[in-house]
């Protein structure tokens, strides 16, 4: 898993902050989501984040190496 956070400089989302989390495969994604949902501390942190930020869009991308 890797996490990236950035600042959008141009386009309709200029000035917005974005985040991206990547996983090696769907199994790793599923295990991570299950662990986060079961962890009270993660839920507390998520609650704090949602007080300060508004989720405006969510995307799921799948990439295959050819």
N, C-alpha and C. Protein backbone atom coordinates (compact mmCIF):
# COMPACT_ATOMS: atom_id res chain seq x y z
N UNK A 1 0.85 -1.17 0.00
CA UNK A 1 0.00 0.00 0.00
C UNK A 1 0.89 1.23 0.00
N UNK A 2 0.47 2.24 -0.72
CA UNK A 2 1.15 3.54 -0.68
C UNK A 2 0.10 4.63 -0.60
N UNK A 3 0.47 5.73 0.05
CA UNK A 3 -0.43 6.86 0.23
C UNK A 3 0.25 8.11 -0.32
N UNK A 4 -0.50 8.88 -1.07
CA UNK A 4 -0.01 10.15 -1.61
C UNK A 4 -1.04 11.24 -1.37
N UNK A 5 -0.56 12.42 -1.05
CA UNK A 5 -1.41 13.59 -0.89
C UNK A 5 -0.81 14.70 -1.72
N UNK A 6 -1.64 15.45 -2.41
CA UNK A 6 -1.12 16.52 -3.26
C UNK A 6 -2.08 17.70 -3.33
N UNK A 7 -1.65 18.69 -4.05
CA UNK A 7 -2.41 19.92 -4.24
C UNK A 7 -2.65 20.08 -5.72
N UNK A 8 -3.90 20.24 -6.12
CA UNK A 8 -4.25 20.40 -7.53
C UNK A 8 -3.99 21.84 -7.95
N UNK A 9 -3.22 22.01 -9.01
CA UNK A 9 -2.82 23.36 -9.44
C UNK A 9 -3.69 23.95 -10.54
N UNK A 10 -4.28 23.11 -11.40
CA UNK A 10 -5.07 23.61 -12.53
C UNK A 10 -6.35 22.82 -12.69
N UNK A 11 -7.26 23.35 -13.51
CA UNK A 11 -8.50 22.64 -13.82
C UNK A 11 -9.61 22.95 -12.84
N UNK A 12 -10.70 22.19 -12.96
CA UNK A 12 -11.88 22.49 -12.13
C UNK A 12 -11.65 22.28 -10.63
N UNK A 13 -10.63 21.52 -10.26
CA UNK A 13 -10.34 21.28 -8.85
C UNK A 13 -9.13 22.07 -8.35
N UNK A 14 -8.75 23.11 -9.08
CA UNK A 14 -7.59 23.94 -8.68
C UNK A 14 -7.78 24.43 -7.25
N UNK A 15 -6.71 24.32 -6.47
CA UNK A 15 -6.74 24.75 -5.09
C UNK A 15 -7.18 23.67 -4.12
N UNK A 16 -7.68 22.56 -4.64
CA UNK A 16 -8.14 21.46 -3.79
C UNK A 16 -6.96 20.57 -3.39
N UNK A 17 -7.10 19.90 -2.26
CA UNK A 17 -6.13 18.90 -1.83
C UNK A 17 -6.71 17.54 -2.19
N UNK A 18 -5.87 16.65 -2.71
CA UNK A 18 -6.35 15.32 -3.07
C UNK A 18 -5.47 14.27 -2.40
N UNK A 19 -6.03 13.10 -2.25
CA UNK A 19 -5.28 11.98 -1.69
C UNK A 19 -5.50 10.75 -2.53
N UNK A 20 -4.50 9.89 -2.58
CA UNK A 20 -4.60 8.64 -3.34
C UNK A 20 -3.96 7.52 -2.53
N UNK A 21 -4.65 6.41 -2.47
CA UNK A 21 -4.13 5.22 -1.81
C UNK A 21 -4.11 4.11 -2.85
N UNK A 22 -2.97 3.45 -3.00
CA UNK A 22 -2.87 2.37 -3.97
C UNK A 22 -2.57 1.05 -3.25
N UNK A 23 -3.11 -0.03 -3.79
CA UNK A 23 -2.93 -1.36 -3.24
C UNK A 23 -2.38 -2.28 -4.33
N UNK A 24 -1.66 -3.30 -3.93
CA UNK A 24 -1.06 -4.23 -4.88
C UNK A 24 -2.12 -5.02 -5.65
N UNK A 25 -3.23 -5.35 -4.97
CA UNK A 25 -4.29 -6.13 -5.61
C UNK A 25 -5.58 -5.97 -4.82
N UNK A 26 -6.66 -6.59 -5.31
CA UNK A 26 -7.97 -6.47 -4.66
C UNK A 26 -7.97 -7.13 -3.29
N UNK A 27 -7.21 -8.20 -3.14
CA UNK A 27 -7.15 -8.88 -1.83
C UNK A 27 -6.54 -7.96 -0.78
N UNK A 28 -5.46 -7.27 -1.12
CA UNK A 28 -4.84 -6.33 -0.19
C UNK A 28 -5.79 -5.18 0.14
N UNK A 29 -6.52 -4.71 -0.86
CA UNK A 29 -7.52 -3.66 -0.64
C UNK A 29 -8.59 -4.13 0.35
N UNK A 30 -9.14 -5.32 0.11
CA UNK A 30 -10.19 -5.86 0.97
C UNK A 30 -9.73 -6.04 2.41
N UNK A 31 -8.53 -6.58 2.59
CA UNK A 31 -8.00 -6.77 3.94
C UNK A 31 -7.80 -5.44 4.65
N UNK A 32 -7.33 -4.44 3.93
CA UNK A 32 -7.12 -3.12 4.53
C UNK A 32 -8.43 -2.48 4.94
N UNK A 33 -9.42 -2.55 4.08
CA UNK A 33 -10.72 -1.97 4.40
C UNK A 33 -11.34 -2.67 5.61
N UNK A 34 -11.28 -4.00 5.64
CA UNK A 34 -11.83 -4.74 6.78
C UNK A 34 -11.12 -4.36 8.08
N UNK A 35 -9.80 -4.23 8.03
CA UNK A 35 -9.04 -3.87 9.23
C UNK A 35 -9.40 -2.46 9.71
N UNK A 36 -9.53 -1.52 8.78
CA UNK A 36 -9.89 -0.16 9.16
C UNK A 36 -11.29 -0.07 9.75
N UNK A 37 -12.23 -0.80 9.18
CA UNK A 37 -13.60 -0.78 9.69
C UNK A 37 -13.71 -1.42 11.07
N UNK A 38 -12.82 -2.34 11.38
CA UNK A 38 -12.86 -3.04 12.67
C UNK A 38 -12.07 -2.31 13.76
N UNK A 39 -11.29 -1.31 13.40
CA UNK A 39 -10.41 -0.64 14.35
C UNK A 39 -11.05 0.64 14.90
N UNK A 40 -11.36 0.68 16.20
CA UNK A 40 -12.00 1.87 16.78
C UNK A 40 -11.16 3.15 16.63
N UNK A 41 -9.85 3.04 16.72
CA UNK A 41 -9.00 4.23 16.58
C UNK A 41 -9.07 4.78 15.16
N UNK A 42 -9.11 3.90 14.16
CA UNK A 42 -9.27 4.35 12.77
C UNK A 42 -10.60 5.05 12.58
N UNK A 43 -11.64 4.53 13.19
CA UNK A 43 -12.96 5.15 13.09
C UNK A 43 -12.98 6.52 13.76
N UNK A 44 -12.28 6.66 14.88
CA UNK A 44 -12.20 7.95 15.55
C UNK A 44 -11.47 8.97 14.68
N UNK A 45 -10.35 8.55 14.10
CA UNK A 45 -9.58 9.45 13.23
C UNK A 45 -10.42 9.85 12.01
N UNK A 46 -11.13 8.89 11.41
CA UNK A 46 -11.98 9.19 10.26
C UNK A 46 -13.05 10.22 10.64
N UNK A 47 -13.62 10.07 11.83
CA UNK A 47 -14.61 11.03 12.31
C UNK A 47 -14.04 12.43 12.43
N UNK A 48 -12.82 12.54 12.91
CA UNK A 48 -12.16 13.85 13.03
C UNK A 48 -11.88 14.44 11.65
N UNK A 49 -11.43 13.62 10.73
CA UNK A 49 -11.13 14.09 9.37
C UNK A 49 -12.39 14.61 8.69
N UNK A 50 -13.51 13.91 8.86
CA UNK A 50 -14.74 14.33 8.19
C UNK A 50 -15.31 15.62 8.75
N UNK A 51 -14.86 16.02 9.94
CA UNK A 51 -15.26 17.32 10.48
C UNK A 51 -14.54 18.46 9.77
N UNK A 52 -13.33 18.19 9.28
CA UNK A 52 -12.51 19.23 8.67
C UNK A 52 -12.55 19.23 7.13
N UNK A 53 -12.86 18.08 6.53
CA UNK A 53 -12.81 17.95 5.08
C UNK A 53 -14.11 17.36 4.56
N UNK A 54 -14.46 17.73 3.33
CA UNK A 54 -15.65 17.19 2.67
C UNK A 54 -15.21 16.32 1.51
N UNK A 55 -15.64 15.06 1.51
CA UNK A 55 -15.36 14.17 0.40
C UNK A 55 -16.21 14.61 -0.78
N UNK A 56 -15.58 15.00 -1.88
CA UNK A 56 -16.31 15.50 -3.04
C UNK A 56 -16.40 14.49 -4.17
N UNK A 57 -15.47 13.56 -4.19
CA UNK A 57 -15.47 12.60 -5.28
C UNK A 57 -14.66 11.39 -4.86
N UNK A 58 -15.04 10.24 -5.37
CA UNK A 58 -14.32 9.00 -5.09
C UNK A 58 -14.18 8.25 -6.40
N UNK A 59 -13.02 7.70 -6.64
CA UNK A 59 -12.78 6.94 -7.87
C UNK A 59 -12.07 5.63 -7.53
N UNK A 60 -12.38 4.60 -8.27
CA UNK A 60 -11.67 3.34 -8.17
C UNK A 60 -11.09 3.06 -9.55
N UNK A 61 -9.80 2.92 -9.62
CA UNK A 61 -9.11 2.65 -10.88
C UNK A 61 -8.42 1.30 -10.80
N UNK A 62 -8.47 0.54 -11.86
CA UNK A 62 -7.76 -0.74 -11.91
C UNK A 62 -6.76 -0.66 -13.05
N UNK A 63 -5.52 -1.02 -12.75
CA UNK A 63 -4.46 -0.96 -13.75
C UNK A 63 -3.86 -2.36 -13.92
N UNK A 64 -3.68 -2.77 -15.15
CA UNK A 64 -3.02 -4.04 -15.43
C UNK A 64 -1.77 -3.77 -16.25
N UNK A 65 -0.67 -4.38 -15.84
CA UNK A 65 0.56 -4.30 -16.62
C UNK A 65 0.41 -5.21 -17.84
N UNK A 66 0.73 -4.68 -18.99
CA UNK A 66 0.62 -5.50 -20.21
C UNK A 66 1.96 -6.03 -20.63
